[in-house]
Structures are given as structure tokens and as C-alpha cells.
Amino acid sequence: MTRLRFYVGLVTKDGRVVDKAVIERMTQLVSQEYGGLTMYQTQGAYEGQEEPSVVIEVLEDGLNRCSAATMAGSLRKLADQSTVLWTREEVAGGFV
């Protein structure tokens, strides 16, 4: 099983805080593609500046229509970010 994580800052390129509607749209976009997600708010830093951010975790099942890089690009555009980090790792687990 593969877990993807997307790290998305919540301060736009021009310094505005990303509003709730944009976060909801990101949730919908990721849920539609991956069937579900876990999202948690955290504090991050980019280029020396601290900012609120979210981490979105999903399990990749091989049936997804878009690549992780494509999803990261979509999240970057939605949140008006310079970049979105994504990671992929193999995990042991399953659904019971």
C-alpha cells in the first residue's frame, strides 16, 4: 500500500490567508480522486517564514486518474502557492 502526503501552505503568494472555501475545494478535489483523505492543520515554514499549513494524506490504490505530481499542481493553484511538497511511501496496513 502506498501513502501520499501533500504539504500545502495556507498563506498565498501575496500574503492573504487561504479561506475556508478553498480548503473545502481542496478536500473535495482530493476525495474525488483518492476516495478519502486525512487532513490535519499544522504550522510550517517556507523560505524562512512560518505559516499555517495543512497536510493531506491519502492511500494510493493504482486506480487513480492523475499522478501525485498533477494533484500537487492542482492544490498549488487552488491555494495560490509557489510550491506544494508531496511525498510517497510504502506502508504496511489494510482495511478491516
Protein backbone atom coordinates (compact mmCIF):
# COMPACT_ATOMS: atom_id res chain seq x y z
CA MET A 1 0.00 0.00 0.00
CA THR A 2 1.27 3.48 -0.81
CA ARG A 3 0.63 6.64 1.19
CA LEU A 4 0.85 10.07 -0.40
CA ARG A 5 1.23 13.25 1.61
CA PHE A 6 0.66 16.75 0.25
CA TYR A 7 2.02 19.69 2.25
CA VAL A 8 0.09 22.87 1.41
CA GLY A 9 0.77 26.32 2.84
CA LEU A 10 -2.21 28.44 3.81
CA VAL A 11 -0.77 31.88 3.08
CA THR A 12 -0.99 32.91 -0.57
CA LYS A 13 1.87 34.34 -2.60
CA ASP A 14 0.59 37.86 -1.90
CA GLY A 15 0.21 37.28 1.86
CA ARG A 16 -3.51 36.52 2.19
CA VAL A 17 -4.70 33.63 4.36
CA VAL A 18 -6.36 30.88 2.33
CA ASP A 19 -10.07 30.93 3.13
CA LYS A 20 -12.26 28.04 4.24
CA ALA A 21 -13.94 27.70 0.84
CA VAL A 22 -10.59 26.99 -0.82
CA ILE A 23 -9.73 24.39 1.83
CA GLU A 24 -13.12 22.74 1.26
CA ARG A 25 -12.45 22.71 -2.51
CA MET A 26 -9.06 21.05 -1.92
CA THR A 27 -10.80 18.44 0.25
CA GLN A 28 -13.37 17.74 -2.47
CA LEU A 29 -10.73 17.51 -5.20
CA VAL A 30 -8.56 15.05 -3.28
CA SER A 31 -11.54 12.99 -2.06
CA GLN A 32 -12.88 12.64 -5.60
CA GLU A 33 -9.55 11.36 -6.83
CA TYR A 34 -8.50 9.12 -3.95
CA GLY A 35 -11.80 8.17 -2.35
CA GLY A 36 -10.97 9.74 1.00
CA LEU A 37 -8.28 11.55 2.92
CA THR A 38 -6.92 12.56 6.27
CA MET A 39 -6.17 16.27 6.63
CA TYR A 40 -4.61 17.97 9.58
CA GLN A 41 -3.62 21.55 10.21
CA THR A 42 -0.08 22.29 11.22
CA GLN A 43 2.49 25.04 11.30
CA GLY A 44 5.15 25.04 8.61
CA ALA A 45 7.82 27.31 7.20
CA TYR A 46 8.77 28.24 3.66
CA GLU A 47 11.74 30.40 2.72
CA GLY A 48 12.26 31.32 6.37
CA GLN A 49 8.68 32.42 7.01
CA GLU A 50 6.39 30.45 9.30
CA GLU A 51 2.88 29.88 8.06
CA PRO A 52 -0.18 27.80 8.84
CA SER A 53 -0.47 24.81 6.56
CA VAL A 54 -2.29 21.53 6.04
CA VAL A 55 -1.02 18.05 5.42
CA ILE A 56 -3.29 15.85 3.31
CA GLU A 57 -2.72 12.09 3.46
CA VAL A 58 -4.24 9.57 1.05
CA LEU A 59 -3.76 5.94 0.15
CA GLU A 60 -2.96 5.30 -3.48
CA ASP A 61 -4.70 2.29 -4.99
CA GLY A 62 -3.32 2.31 -8.53
CA LEU A 63 -6.72 3.22 -9.98
CA ASN A 64 -6.28 6.97 -9.62
CA ARG A 65 -6.74 9.06 -12.74
CA CYS A 66 -3.98 11.57 -12.06
CA SER A 67 -0.44 11.40 -10.77
CA ALA A 68 0.63 12.74 -7.39
CA ALA A 69 2.57 15.49 -9.17
CA THR A 70 -0.57 16.54 -11.06
CA MET A 71 -2.59 16.63 -7.83
CA ALA A 72 0.13 18.68 -6.13
CA GLY A 73 -0.02 21.14 -9.04
CA SER A 74 -3.80 21.43 -8.71
CA LEU A 75 -3.51 22.06 -4.96
CA ARG A 76 -0.78 24.64 -5.61
CA LYS A 77 -3.06 26.55 -7.97
CA LEU A 78 -6.09 26.35 -5.67
CA ALA A 79 -4.16 27.66 -2.66
CA ASP A 80 -2.15 30.18 -4.74
CA GLN A 81 1.18 28.75 -3.60
CA SER A 82 4.67 28.91 -5.10
CA THR A 83 5.07 25.19 -4.44
CA VAL A 84 3.42 22.19 -2.81
CA LEU A 85 5.55 19.36 -1.47
CA TRP A 86 4.38 15.79 -1.96
CA THR A 87 5.85 12.53 -0.73
CA ARG A 88 5.17 8.86 -1.47
CA GLU A 89 6.00 5.98 0.85
CA GLU A 90 5.21 2.31 1.08
CA VAL A 91 3.29 1.40 4.22
CA ALA A 92 2.11 -1.85 5.73
CA GLY A 93 -1.55 -1.98 6.59
CA GLY A 94 -5.00 -2.63 5.33
CA PHE A 95 -8.67 -2.10 5.91
CA VAL A 96 -10.58 -4.21 8.44
